[in-house]
C-alpha atoms as a PDB file:
ATOM      1  CA  MET A   1      69.966 -93.853  27.279  1.00  0.00           C
ATOM      2  CA  GLU A   2      73.274 -95.279  26.781  1.00  0.00           C
ATOM      3  CA  THR A   3      76.484 -93.576  26.930  1.00  0.00           C
ATOM      4  CA  ASP A   4      78.335 -95.394  24.436  1.00  0.00           C
ATOM      5  CA  THR A   5      75.476 -94.690  21.403  1.00  0.00           C
ATOM      6  CA  VAL A   6      74.513 -91.420  23.126  1.00  0.00           C
ATOM      7  CA  HIS A   7      74.802 -88.547  20.189  1.00  0.00           C
ATOM      8  CA  TRP A   8      75.866 -85.472  22.401  1.00  0.00           C
ATOM      9  CA  PRO A   9      75.574 -82.667  20.590  1.00  0.00           C
ATOM     10  CA  SER A  10      71.708 -83.111  20.874  1.00  0.00           C
ATOM     11  CA  LEU A  11      71.709 -83.405  24.447  1.00  0.00           C
ATOM     12  CA  THR A  12      70.447 -80.869  26.847  1.00  0.00           C
ATOM     13  CA  GLN A  13      73.694 -79.768  29.641  1.00  0.00           C
ATOM     14  CA  THR A  14      71.515 -81.867  31.961  1.00  0.00           C
ATOM     15  CA  GLU A  15      71.288 -85.000  30.342  1.00  0.00           C
ATOM     16  CA  LYS A  16      75.173 -84.784  29.133  1.00  0.00           C
ATOM     17  CA  LYS A  17      76.103 -84.052  33.258  1.00  0.00           C
ATOM     18  CA  ALA A  18      73.521 -86.915  33.881  1.00  0.00           C
ATOM     19  CA  GLN A  19      75.602 -89.017  31.045  1.00  0.00           C
ATOM     20  CA  LEU A  20      78.719 -88.091  32.831  1.00  0.00           C
ATOM     21  CA  PHE A  21      78.045 -89.483  36.165  1.00  0.00           C
ATOM     22  CA  ILE A  22      76.466 -92.382  34.417  1.00  0.00           C
ATOM     23  CA  LYS A  23      80.132 -93.389  32.981  1.00  0.00           C
ATOM     24  CA  GLN A  24      82.045 -92.172  36.189  1.00  0.00           C
ATOM     25  CA  LYS A  25      80.083 -94.005  38.195  1.00  0.00           C
ATOM     26  CA  ARG A  26      80.310 -97.194  35.810  1.00  0.00           C
ATOM     27  CA  LEU A  27      84.294 -96.696  35.884  1.00  0.00           C
ATOM     28  CA  LEU A  28      84.322 -96.370  39.866  1.00  0.00           C
ATOM     29  CA  ASP A  29      81.974 -99.711  40.076  1.00  0.00           C
ATOM     30  CA  THR A  30      84.484-101.420  37.757  1.00  0.00           C
ATOM     31  CA  PHE A  31      87.058-100.549  40.017  1.00  0.00           C
ATOM     32  CA  LEU A  32      85.699-102.176  43.014  1.00  0.00           C
ATOM     33  CA  GLN A  33      84.825-105.078  41.556  1.00  0.00           C
ATOM     34  CA  ASN A  34      88.351-105.426  39.987  1.00  0.00           C
ATOM     35  CA  GLY A  35      89.697-105.055  43.548  1.00  0.00           C
ATOM     36  CA  ALA A  36      91.799-101.471  42.310  1.00  0.00           C
ATOM     37  CA  ILE A  37      89.820 -99.437  45.127  1.00  0.00           C
ATOM     38  CA  SER A  38      88.441-100.663  48.265  1.00  0.00           C
ATOM     39  CA  ARG A  39      84.612-100.120  49.515  1.00  0.00           C
ATOM     40  CA  ALA A  40      85.920 -97.079  51.517  1.00  0.00           C
ATOM     41  CA  GLN A  41      87.635 -95.314  48.897  1.00  0.00           C
ATOM     42  CA  TYR A  42      84.603 -96.387  46.343  1.00  0.00           C
ATOM     43  CA  ASP A  43      81.819 -94.856  49.223  1.00  0.00           C
ATOM     44  CA  LYS A  44      84.367 -91.892  49.415  1.00  0.00           C
ATOM     45  CA  SER A  45      84.821 -91.410  45.317  1.00  0.00           C
ATOM     46  CA  LEU A  46      81.557 -91.639  44.678  1.00  0.00           C
ATOM     47  CA  HIS A  47      80.334 -88.857  47.734  1.00  0.00           C
ATOM     48  CA  ASP A  48      82.771 -86.256  46.212  1.00  0.00           C
ATOM     49  CA  LEU A  49      81.394 -87.586  42.578  1.00  0.00           C
ATOM     50  CA  ARG A  50      77.862 -86.328  43.714  1.00  0.00           C
ATOM     51  CA  GLU A  51      78.833 -83.667  45.101  1.00  0.00           C
ATOM     52  CA  LYS A  52      81.001 -81.753  42.707  1.00  0.00           C
ATOM     53  CA  MET A  53      78.419 -82.506  40.047  1.00  0.00           C
ATOM     54  CA  GLY A  54      75.473 -81.797  42.122  1.00  0.00           C
ATOM     55  CA  ILE A  55      73.571 -84.920  41.928  1.00  0.00           C
ATOM     56  CA  ASP A  56      72.035 -86.644  44.787  1.00  0.00           C
ATOM     57  CA  LYS A  57      70.819 -90.564  45.374  1.00  0.00           C
ATOM     58  CA  SER A  58      67.191 -89.314  44.232  1.00  0.00           C
ATOM     59  CA  MET A  59      68.659 -88.766  41.038  1.00  0.00           C
ATOM     60  CA  GLU A  60      71.079 -91.177  40.376  1.00  0.00           C
ATOM     61  CA  ARG A  61      69.676 -94.473  38.165  1.00  0.00           C
ATOM     62  CA  GLU A  62      70.979 -95.995  34.745  1.00  0.00           C
ATOM     63  CA  ASP A  63      67.752 -93.887  32.579  1.00  0.00           C
ATOM     64  CA  ILE A  64      68.326 -90.817  32.773  1.00  0.00           C
END
C-alpha cells in the first residue's frame, strides 16, 4: 500500500499506524542516503521509532 495513494479515512487504526511508520522510516532512509545523519543516528532513530510505535522487526515490511 503506497502512502501517497492511501485513503486515510477508510483505514483502521492499525493500518494508519503502519502507514505512518513506513512514511517515517522512508524519511530516515533518505536522511541516511544523503548523508544528513550517520549510521549510528539512523539506527538509534529507527530503534526509537519502532519502540514508540510498537513495531517489531517482524512486522516491518513495505506492503502492510
